[in-house]
Amino acid sequence: MKLIVSLALALTASTAFAHGNVSCPAVPQEEKQPQKELQKKLEGEGWKVRKVQNSNGCYEVYGVDDKGAKVEAFFNPKTFDRVYPEGERAAGKK
C-alpha cells in the first residue's frame, strides 16, 4: 500500500514540475494565431502533435518532437516562439 501511495505522489509531483513557471505575455485575442496553425508548423518540422491547449497565456503542446522525444512544450500564441519554464533553456543556449 505504501508503494502505491508513494508512486501516486511521485507522479503528481512530476506533473507539477513539468509546468514549471511558464507564462507568455498577454496577447489580444485578435492577434493570436490559431492553434491548428501551430500544429501544422510543428508537424512540418517533424513533430507528432497529440494535443494543443491554452495554458498561462501560452499554447501548450503534448507530443513527440523531431528527435523522437516525448515533450510538453509551450509556445507564444502570437509568434509561435517556444517559451521555456523558468530554470530551463533551449538546448545549446547558455
PDB file of N, CA and C in Angstrom:
ATOM      1  N   MET A   1       0.828  -1.192   0.000  1.00  0.00           N
ATOM      2  CA  MET A   1       0.000   0.000   0.000  1.00  0.00           C
ATOM      3  C   MET A   1       0.872   1.255   0.000  1.00  0.00           C
ATOM      4  N   LYS A   2       1.947   1.240   0.792  1.00  0.00           N
ATOM      5  CA  LYS A   2       2.829   2.400   0.843  1.00  0.00           C
ATOM      6  C   LYS A   2       3.451   2.661  -0.519  1.00  0.00           C
ATOM      7  N   LEU A   3       3.761   1.591  -1.249  1.00  0.00           N
ATOM      8  CA  LEU A   3       4.356   1.731  -2.577  1.00  0.00           C
ATOM      9  C   LEU A   3       3.389   2.444  -3.521  1.00  0.00           C
ATOM     10  N   ILE A   4       2.122   2.091  -3.475  1.00  0.00           N
ATOM     11  CA  ILE A   4       1.120   2.706  -4.336  1.00  0.00           C
ATOM     12  C   ILE A   4       0.987   4.193  -4.010  1.00  0.00           C
ATOM     13  N   VAL A   5       0.932   4.521  -2.740  1.00  0.00           N
ATOM     14  CA  VAL A   5       0.831   5.915  -2.327  1.00  0.00           C
ATOM     15  C   VAL A   5       2.075   6.687  -2.757  1.00  0.00           C
ATOM     16  N   SER A   6       3.235   6.090  -2.579  1.00  0.00           N
ATOM     17  CA  SER A   6       4.486   6.746  -2.975  1.00  0.00           C
ATOM     18  C   SER A   6       4.524   7.003  -4.470  1.00  0.00           C
ATOM     19  N   LEU A   7       4.112   6.013  -5.262  1.00  0.00           N
ATOM     20  CA  LEU A   7       4.089   6.186  -6.716  1.00  0.00           C
ATOM     21  C   LEU A   7       3.108   7.271  -7.122  1.00  0.00           C
ATOM     22  N   ALA A   8       1.960   7.304  -6.499  1.00  0.00           N
ATOM     23  CA  ALA A   8       0.957   8.325  -6.818  1.00  0.00           C
ATOM     24  C   ALA A   8       1.493   9.716  -6.505  1.00  0.00           C
ATOM     25  N   LEU A   9       2.152   9.865  -5.370  1.00  0.00           N
ATOM     26  CA  LEU A   9       2.737  11.161  -5.004  1.00  0.00           C
ATOM     27  C   LEU A   9       3.848  11.560  -5.974  1.00  0.00           C
ATOM     28  N   ALA A  10       4.659  10.615  -6.363  1.00  0.00           N
ATOM     29  CA  ALA A  10       5.752  10.902  -7.300  1.00  0.00           C
ATOM     30  C   ALA A  10       5.208  11.358  -8.644  1.00  0.00           C
ATOM     31  N   LEU A  11       4.169  10.699  -9.130  1.00  0.00           N
ATOM     32  CA  LEU A  11       3.571  11.088 -10.406  1.00  0.00           C
ATOM     33  C   LEU A  11       2.940  12.474 -10.326  1.00  0.00           C
ATOM     34  N   THR A  12       2.278  12.761  -9.226  1.00  0.00           N
ATOM     35  CA  THR A  12       1.682  14.075  -9.036  1.00  0.00           C
ATOM     36  C   THR A  12       2.762  15.147  -9.001  1.00  0.00           C
ATOM     37  N   ALA A  13       3.851  14.890  -8.307  1.00  0.00           N
ATOM     38  CA  ALA A  13       4.941  15.863  -8.218  1.00  0.00           C
ATOM     39  C   ALA A  13       5.578  16.095  -9.573  1.00  0.00           C
ATOM     40  N   SER A  14       5.783  15.038 -10.352  1.00  0.00           N
ATOM     41  CA  SER A  14       6.425  15.221 -11.652  1.00  0.00           C
ATOM     42  C   SER A  14       5.535  16.021 -12.589  1.00  0.00           C
ATOM     43  N   THR A  15       4.218  15.865 -12.490  1.00  0.00           N
ATOM     44  CA  THR A  15       3.304  16.655 -13.311  1.00  0.00           C
ATOM     45  C   THR A  15       3.402  18.123 -12.924  1.00  0.00           C
ATOM     46  N   ALA A  16       3.493  18.406 -11.651  1.00  0.00           N
ATOM     47  CA  ALA A  16       3.599  19.792 -11.207  1.00  0.00           C
ATOM     48  C   ALA A  16       4.885  20.426 -11.700  1.00  0.00           C
ATOM     49  N   PHE A  17       5.975  19.697 -11.669  1.00  0.00           N
ATOM     50  CA  PHE A  17       7.253  20.241 -12.114  1.00  0.00           C
ATOM     51  C   PHE A  17       7.304  20.419 -13.622  1.00  0.00           C
ATOM     52  N   ALA A  18       6.543  19.628 -14.362  1.00  0.00           N
ATOM     53  CA  ALA A  18       6.571  19.717 -15.817  1.00  0.00           C
ATOM     54  C   ALA A  18       6.172  21.112 -16.287  1.00  0.00           C
ATOM     55  N   HIS A  19       5.231  21.741 -15.594  1.00  0.00           N
ATOM     56  CA  HIS A  19       4.799  23.069 -15.994  1.00  0.00           C
ATOM     57  C   HIS A  19       5.790  24.142 -15.590  1.00  0.00           C
ATOM     58  N   GLY A  20       6.543  23.891 -14.536  1.00  0.00           N
ATOM     59  CA  GLY A  20       7.492  24.899 -14.084  1.00  0.00           C
ATOM     60  C   GLY A  20       6.794  26.226 -13.897  1.00  0.00           C
ATOM     61  N   ASN A  21       7.516  27.294 -14.177  1.00  0.00           N
ATOM     62  CA  ASN A  21       6.964  28.627 -14.066  1.00  0.00           C
ATOM     63  C   ASN A  21       6.932  29.207 -15.474  1.00  0.00           C
ATOM     64  N   VAL A  22       5.869  28.935 -16.208  1.00  0.00           N
ATOM     65  CA  VAL A  22       5.761  29.341 -17.602  1.00  0.00           C
ATOM     66  C   VAL A  22       4.619  30.321 -17.762  1.00  0.00           C
ATOM     67  N   SER A  23       4.882  31.398 -18.478  1.00  0.00           N
ATOM     68  CA  SER A  23       3.804  32.299 -18.864  1.00  0.00           C
ATOM     69  C   SER A  23       4.237  33.071 -20.103  1.00  0.00           C
ATOM     70  N   CYS A  24       3.267  33.421 -20.895  1.00  0.00           N
ATOM     71  CA  CYS A  24       3.514  34.205 -22.100  1.00  0.00           C
ATOM     72  C   CYS A  24       2.957  35.609 -21.880  1.00  0.00           C
ATOM     73  N   PRO A  25       3.476  36.581 -22.627  1.00  0.00           N
ATOM     74  CA  PRO A  25       2.928  37.931 -22.499  1.00  0.00           C
ATOM     75  C   PRO A  25       1.465  37.940 -22.943  1.00  0.00           C
ATOM     76  N   ALA A  26       0.707  38.861 -22.382  1.00  0.00           N
ATOM     77  CA  ALA A  26      -0.700  38.979 -22.766  1.00  0.00           C
ATOM     78  C   ALA A  26      -0.793  39.358 -24.238  1.00  0.00           C
ATOM     79  N   VAL A  27      -1.600  38.611 -24.969  1.00  0.00           N
ATOM     80  CA  VAL A  27      -1.796  38.855 -26.399  1.00  0.00           C
ATOM     81  C   VAL A  27      -3.292  39.016 -26.635  1.00  0.00           C
ATOM     82  N   PRO A  28      -3.710  40.123 -27.253  1.00  0.00           N
ATOM     83  CA  PRO A  28      -5.135  40.267 -27.555  1.00  0.00           C
ATOM     84  C   PRO A  28      -5.619  39.106 -28.428  1.00  0.00           C
ATOM     85  N   GLN A  29      -6.850  38.688 -28.208  1.00  0.00           N
ATOM     86  CA  GLN A  29      -7.405  37.531 -28.913  1.00  0.00           C
ATOM     87  C   GLN A  29      -7.249  37.654 -30.426  1.00  0.00           C
ATOM     88  N   GLU A  30      -7.451  38.852 -30.966  1.00  0.00           N
ATOM     89  CA  GLU A  30      -7.385  39.026 -32.420  1.00  0.00           C
ATOM     90  C   GLU A  30      -5.964  38.894 -32.977  1.00  0.00           C
ATOM     91  N   GLU A  31      -4.949  38.937 -32.103  1.00  0.00           N
ATOM     92  CA  GLU A  31      -3.562  38.789 -32.545  1.00  0.00           C
ATOM     93  C   GLU A  31      -3.044  37.357 -32.400  1.00  0.00           C
ATOM     94  N   LYS A  32      -3.809  36.512 -31.729  1.00  0.00           N
ATOM     95  CA  LYS A  32      -3.387  35.120 -31.563  1.00  0.00           C
ATOM     96  C   LYS A  32      -3.584  34.363 -32.865  1.00  0.00           C
ATOM     97  N   GLN A  33      -2.596  33.543 -33.208  1.00  0.00           N
ATOM     98  CA  GLN A  33      -2.736  32.666 -34.360  1.00  0.00           C
ATOM     99  C   GLN A  33      -3.488  31.415 -33.920  1.00  0.00           C
ATOM    100  N   PRO A  34      -4.204  30.780 -34.824  1.00  0.00           N
ATOM    101  CA  PRO A  34      -4.953  29.576 -34.455  1.00  0.00           C
ATOM    102  C   PRO A  34      -4.027  28.437 -34.006  1.00  0.00           C
ATOM    103  N   GLN A  35      -4.497  27.666 -33.032  1.00  0.00           N
ATOM    104  CA  GLN A  35      -3.731  26.525 -32.542  1.00  0.00           C
ATOM    105  C   GLN A  35      -3.437  25.535 -33.662  1.00  0.00           C
ATOM    106  N   LYS A  36      -4.371  25.370 -34.583  1.00  0.00           N
ATOM    107  CA  LYS A  36      -4.166  24.435 -35.697  1.00  0.00           C
ATOM    108  C   LYS A  36      -2.972  24.851 -36.557  1.00  0.00           C
ATOM    109  N   GLU A  37      -2.697  26.157 -36.657  1.00  0.00           N
ATOM    110  CA  GLU A  37      -1.541  26.632 -37.422  1.00  0.00           C
ATOM    111  C   GLU A  37      -0.235  26.227 -36.732  1.00  0.00           C
ATOM    112  N   LEU A  38      -0.223  26.314 -35.401  1.00  0.00           N
ATOM    113  CA  LEU A  38       0.959  25.860 -34.658  1.00  0.00           C
ATOM    114  C   LEU A  38       1.161  24.368 -34.868  1.00  0.00           C
ATOM    115  N   GLN A  39       0.078  23.618 -34.804  1.00  0.00           N
ATOM    116  CA  GLN A  39       0.174  22.172 -35.007  1.00  0.00           C
ATOM    117  C   GLN A  39       0.727  21.862 -36.397  1.00  0.00           C
ATOM    118  N   LYS A  40       0.226  22.544 -37.426  1.00  0.00           N
ATOM    119  CA  LYS A  40       0.724  22.315 -38.788  1.00  0.00           C
ATOM    120  C   LYS A  40       2.202  22.674 -38.900  1.00  0.00           C
ATOM    121  N   LYS A  41       2.605  23.782 -38.281  1.00  0.00           N
ATOM    122  CA  LYS A  41       4.014  24.207 -38.308  1.00  0.00           C
ATOM    123  C   LYS A  41       4.902  23.136 -37.686  1.00  0.00           C
ATOM    124  N   LEU A  42       4.518  22.673 -36.498  1.00  0.00           N
ATOM    125  CA  LEU A  42       5.327  21.677 -35.796  1.00  0.00           C
ATOM    126  C   LEU A  42       5.366  20.350 -36.556  1.00  0.00           C
ATOM    127  N   GLU A  43       4.240  19.932 -37.083  1.00  0.00           N
ATOM    128  CA  GLU A  43       4.211  18.684 -37.846  1.00  0.00           C
ATOM    129  C   GLU A  43       5.074  18.804 -39.105  1.00  0.00           C
ATOM    130  N   GLY A  44       5.134  19.999 -39.685  1.00  0.00           N
ATOM    131  CA  GLY A  44       6.006  20.244 -40.823  1.00  0.00           C
ATOM    132  C   GLY A  44       7.479  20.145 -40.454  1.00  0.00           C
ATOM    133  N   GLU A  45       7.778  20.357 -39.165  1.00  0.00           N
ATOM    134  CA  GLU A  45       9.150  20.249 -38.654  1.00  0.00           C
ATOM    135  C   GLU A  45       9.448  18.848 -38.131  1.00  0.00           C
ATOM    136  N   GLY A  46       8.511  17.913 -38.310  1.00  0.00           N
ATOM    137  CA  GLY A  46       8.757  16.533 -37.901  1.00  0.00           C
ATOM    138  C   GLY A  46       8.170  16.128 -36.566  1.00  0.00           C
ATOM    139  N   TRP A  47       7.419  17.018 -35.912  1.00  0.00           N
ATOM    140  CA  TRP A  47       6.783  16.674 -34.639  1.00  0.00           C
ATOM    141  C   TRP A  47       5.547  15.819 -34.891  1.00  0.00           C
ATOM    142  N   LYS A  48       5.169  15.034 -33.885  1.00  0.00           N
ATOM    143  CA  LYS A  48       3.895  14.333 -33.858  1.00  0.00           C
ATOM    144  C   LYS A  48       3.108  14.950 -32.704  1.00  0.00           C
ATOM    145  N   VAL A  49       2.151  15.791 -33.038  1.00  0.00           N
ATOM    146  CA  VAL A  49       1.390  16.531 -32.026  1.00  0.00           C
ATOM    147  C   VAL A  49       0.174  15.720 -31.608  1.00  0.00           C
ATOM    148  N   ARG A  50       0.079  15.512 -30.298  1.00  0.00           N
ATOM    149  CA  ARG A  50      -1.053  14.765 -29.748  1.00  0.00           C
ATOM    150  C   ARG A  50      -2.159  15.724 -29.296  1.00  0.00           C
ATOM    151  N   LYS A  51      -1.751  16.881 -28.713  1.00  0.00           N
ATOM    152  CA  LYS A  51      -2.735  17.794 -28.140  1.00  0.00           C
ATOM    153  C   LYS A  51      -2.149  19.192 -28.047  1.00  0.00           C
ATOM    154  N   VAL A  52      -2.977  20.213 -28.313  1.00  0.00           N
ATOM    155  CA  VAL A  52      -2.597  21.613 -28.118  1.00  0.00           C
ATOM    156  C   VAL A  52      -3.690  22.243 -27.273  1.00  0.00           C
ATOM    157  N   GLN A  53      -3.281  22.975 -26.217  1.00  0.00           N
ATOM    158  CA  GLN A  53      -4.254  23.635 -25.356  1.00  0.00           C
ATOM    159  C   GLN A  53      -3.686  24.946 -24.837  1.00  0.00           C
ATOM    160  N   ASN A  54      -4.546  25.780 -24.258  1.00  0.00           N
ATOM    161  CA  ASN A  54      -4.123  27.044 -23.651  1.00  0.00           C
ATOM    162  C   ASN A  54      -3.637  26.784 -22.232  1.00  0.00           C
ATOM    163  N   SER A  55      -2.530  27.453 -21.864  1.00  0.00           N
ATOM    164  CA  SER A  55      -2.008  27.327 -20.511  1.00  0.00           C
ATOM    165  C   SER A  55      -1.205  28.568 -20.158  1.00  0.00           C
ATOM    166  N   ASN A  56      -1.642  29.327 -19.162  1.00  0.00           N
ATOM    167  CA  ASN A  56      -0.942  30.531 -18.693  1.00  0.00           C
ATOM    168  C   ASN A  56      -0.620  31.494 -19.831  1.00  0.00           C
ATOM    169  N   GLY A  57      -1.553  31.657 -20.761  1.00  0.00           N
ATOM    170  CA  GLY A  57      -1.353  32.576 -21.869  1.00  0.00           C
ATOM    171  C   GLY A  57      -0.533  32.008 -23.009  1.00  0.00           C
ATOM    172  N   CYS A  58      -0.073  30.763 -22.867  1.00  0.00           N
ATOM    173  CA  CYS A  58       0.723  30.101 -23.907  1.00  0.00           C
ATOM    174  C   CYS A  58      -0.106  29.001 -24.565  1.00  0.00           C
ATOM    175  N   TYR A  59       0.389  28.509 -25.691  1.00  0.00           N
ATOM    176  CA  TYR A  59      -0.123  27.270 -26.249  1.00  0.00           C
ATOM    177  C   TYR A  59       0.774  26.159 -25.718  1.00  0.00           C
ATOM    178  N   GLU A  60       0.162  25.178 -25.093  1.00  0.00           N
ATOM    179  CA  GLU A  60       0.887  24.046 -24.519  1.00  0.00           C
ATOM    180  C   GLU A  60       0.697  22.862 -25.461  1.00  0.00           C
ATOM    181  N   VAL A  61       1.808  22.270 -25.882  1.00  0.00           N
ATOM    182  CA  VAL A  61       1.774  21.184 -26.859  1.00  0.00           C
ATOM    183  C   VAL A  61       2.293  19.905 -26.215  1.00  0.00           C
ATOM    184  N   TYR A  62       1.536  18.833 -26.377  1.00  0.00           N
ATOM    185  CA  TYR A  62       1.950  17.498 -25.942  1.00  0.00           C
ATOM    186  C   TYR A  62       2.195  16.674 -27.195  1.00  0.00           C
ATOM    187  N   GLY A  63       3.296  15.970 -27.232  1.00  0.00           N
ATOM    188  CA  GLY A  63       3.566  15.130 -28.382  1.00  0.00           C
ATOM    189  C   GLY A  63       4.980  14.604 -28.378  1.00  0.00           C
ATOM    190  N   VAL A  64       5.500  14.359 -29.579  1.00  0.00           N
ATOM    191  CA  VAL A  64       6.848  13.838 -29.777  1.00  0.00           C
ATOM    192  C   VAL A  64       7.560  14.796 -30.724  1.00  0.00           C
ATOM    193  N   ASP A  65       8.740  15.282 -30.310  1.00  0.00           N
ATOM    194  CA  ASP A  65       9.444  16.254 -31.135  1.00  0.00           C
ATOM    195  C   ASP A  65      10.162  15.586 -32.307  1.00  0.00           C
ATOM    196  N   ASP A  66      10.859  16.397 -33.082  1.00  0.00           N
ATOM    197  CA  ASP A  66      11.529  15.899 -34.286  1.00  0.00           C
ATOM    198  C   ASP A  66      12.691  14.960 -33.984  1.00  0.00           C
ATOM    199  N   LYS A  67      13.107  14.862 -32.725  1.00  0.00           N
ATOM    200  CA  LYS A  67      14.185  13.955 -32.336  1.00  0.00           C
ATOM    201  C   LYS A  67      13.634  12.665 -31.720  1.00  0.00           C
ATOM    202  N   GLY A  68      12.299  12.561 -31.661  1.00  0.00           N
ATOM    203  CA  GLY A  68      11.661  11.359 -31.118  1.00  0.00           C
ATOM    204  C   GLY A  68      11.443  11.385 -29.622  1.00  0.00           C
ATOM    205  N   ALA A  69      11.675  12.548 -28.984  1.00  0.00           N
ATOM    206  CA  ALA A  69      11.500  12.653 -27.536  1.00  0.00           C
ATOM    207  C   ALA A  69      10.078  13.116 -27.201  1.00  0.00           C
ATOM    208  N   LYS A  70       9.480  12.493 -26.183  1.00  0.00           N
ATOM    209  CA  LYS A  70       8.188  12.960 -25.693  1.00  0.00           C
ATOM    210  C   LYS A  70       8.373  14.356 -25.116  1.00  0.00           C
ATOM    211  N   VAL A  71       7.466  15.277 -25.462  1.00  0.00           N
ATOM    212  CA  VAL A  71       7.597  16.648 -24.973  1.00  0.00           C
ATOM    213  C   VAL A  71       6.274  17.211 -24.499  1.00  0.00           C
ATOM    214  N   GLU A  72       6.417  18.151 -23.591  1.00  0.00           N
ATOM    215  CA  GLU A  72       5.358  19.063 -23.192  1.00  0.00           C
ATOM    216  C   GLU A  72       6.010  20.424 -23.382  1.00  0.00           C
ATOM    217  N   ALA A  73       5.633  21.134 -24.440  1.00  0.00           N
ATOM    218  CA  ALA A  73       6.305  22.374 -24.804  1.00  0.00           C
ATOM    219  C   ALA A  73       5.300  23.521 -24.839  1.00  0.00           C
ATOM    220  N   PHE A  74       5.813  24.726 -24.619  1.00  0.00           N
ATOM    221  CA  PHE A  74       4.982  25.920 -24.577  1.00  0.00           C
ATOM    222  C   PHE A  74       5.411  26.881 -25.672  1.00  0.00           C
ATOM    223  N   PHE A  75       4.403  27.562 -26.289  1.00  0.00           N
ATOM    224  CA  PHE A  75       4.673  28.469 -27.391  1.00  0.00           C
ATOM    225  C   PHE A  75       3.871  29.756 -27.231  1.00  0.00           C
ATOM    226  N   ASN A  76       4.483  30.867 -27.655  1.00  0.00           N
ATOM    227  CA  ASN A  76       3.804  32.153 -27.673  1.00  0.00           C
ATOM    228  C   ASN A  76       2.702  32.075 -28.734  1.00  0.00           C
ATOM    229  N   PRO A  77       1.449  32.416 -28.385  1.00  0.00           N
ATOM    230  CA  PRO A  77       0.354  32.265 -29.330  1.00  0.00           C
ATOM    231  C   PRO A  77       0.373  33.266 -30.490  1.00  0.00           C
ATOM    232  N   LYS A  78       1.166  34.314 -30.377  1.00  0.00           N
ATOM    233  CA  LYS A  78       1.261  35.313 -31.444  1.00  0.00           C
ATOM    234  C   LYS A  78       2.398  34.990 -32.411  1.00  0.00           C
ATOM    235  N   THR A  79       3.546  34.607 -31.864  1.00  0.00           N
ATOM    236  CA  THR A  79       4.750  34.418 -32.672  1.00  0.00           C
ATOM    237  C   THR A  79       5.117  32.961 -32.907  1.00  0.00           C
ATOM    238  N   PHE A  80       4.552  32.069 -32.125  1.00  0.00           N
ATOM    239  CA  PHE A  80       4.891  30.643 -32.111  1.00  0.00           C
ATOM    240  C   PHE A  80       6.327  30.399 -31.663  1.00  0.00           C
ATOM    241  N   ASP A  81       6.966  31.389 -31.038  1.00  0.00           N
ATOM    242  CA  ASP A  81       8.285  31.174 -30.440  1.00  0.00           C
ATOM    243  C   ASP A  81       8.108  30.255 -29.240  1.00  0.00           C
ATOM    244  N   ARG A  82       9.057  29.347 -29.059  1.00  0.00           N
ATOM    245  CA  ARG A  82       8.985  28.435 -27.917  1.00  0.00           C
ATOM    246  C   ARG A  82       9.313  29.199 -26.640  1.00  0.00           C
ATOM    247  N   VAL A  83       8.578  28.907 -25.584  1.00  0.00           N
ATOM    248  CA  VAL A  83       8.753  29.529 -24.275  1.00  0.00           C
ATOM    249  C   VAL A  83       9.164  28.431 -23.312  1.00  0.00           C
ATOM    250  N   TYR A  84      10.241  28.675 -22.563  1.00  0.00           N
ATOM    251  CA  TYR A  84      10.759  27.657 -21.653  1.00  0.00           C
ATOM    252  C   TYR A  84      10.408  28.001 -20.209  1.00  0.00           C
ATOM    253  N   PRO A  85      10.105  26.971 -19.399  1.00  0.00           N
ATOM    254  CA  PRO A  85       9.848  27.201 -17.978  1.00  0.00           C
ATOM    255  C   PRO A  85      11.068  27.833 -17.313  1.00  0.00           C
ATOM    256  N   GLU A  86      10.811  28.584 -16.270  1.00  0.00           N
ATOM    257  CA  GLU A  86      11.892  29.205 -15.513  1.00  0.00           C
ATOM    258  C   GLU A  86      12.870  28.126 -15.072  1.00  0.00           C
ATOM    259  N   GLY A  87      14.152  28.354 -15.293  1.00  0.00           N
ATOM    260  CA  GLY A  87      15.170  27.384 -14.920  1.00  0.00           C
ATOM    261  C   GLY A  87      15.554  26.459 -16.058  1.00  0.00           C
ATOM    262  N   GLU A  88      14.775  26.439 -17.141  1.00  0.00           N
ATOM    263  CA  GLU A  88      15.128  25.641 -18.319  1.00  0.00           C
ATOM    264  C   GLU A  88      15.553  26.593 -19.424  1.00  0.00           C
ATOM    265  N   ARG A  89      16.216  26.034 -20.418  1.00  0.00           N
ATOM    266  CA  ARG A  89      16.602  26.852 -21.570  1.00  0.00           C
ATOM    267  C   ARG A  89      16.674  25.961 -22.806  1.00  0.00           C
ATOM    268  N   ALA A  90      16.706  26.617 -23.923  1.00  0.00           N
ATOM    269  CA  ALA A  90      16.807  25.870 -25.186  1.00  0.00           C
ATOM    270  C   ALA A  90      18.126  25.138 -25.234  1.00  0.00           C
ATOM    271  N   ALA A  91      18.128  23.973 -25.855  1.00  0.00           N
ATOM    272  CA  ALA A  91      19.357  23.200 -25.993  1.00  0.00           C
ATOM    273  C   ALA A  91      20.387  24.014 -26.758  1.00  0.00           C
ATOM    274  N   GLY A  92      21.595  24.022 -26.250  1.00  0.00           N
ATOM    275  CA  GLY A  92      22.686  24.739 -26.912  1.00  0.00           C
ATOM    276  C   GLY A  92      22.792  26.205 -26.547  1.00  0.00           C
ATOM    277  N   LYS A  93      21.869  26.710 -25.719  1.00  0.00           N
ATOM    278  CA  LYS A  93      21.939  28.122 -25.311  1.00  0.00           C
ATOM    279  C   LYS A  93      22.403  28.211 -23.865  1.00  0.00           C
ATOM    280  N   LYS A  94      23.157  29.244 -23.580  1.00  0.00           N
ATOM    281  CA  LYS A  94      23.650  29.440 -22.202  1.00  0.00           C
ATOM    282  C   LYS A  94      22.874  30.512 -21.493  1.00  0.00           C
TER     283      LYS A  94
END
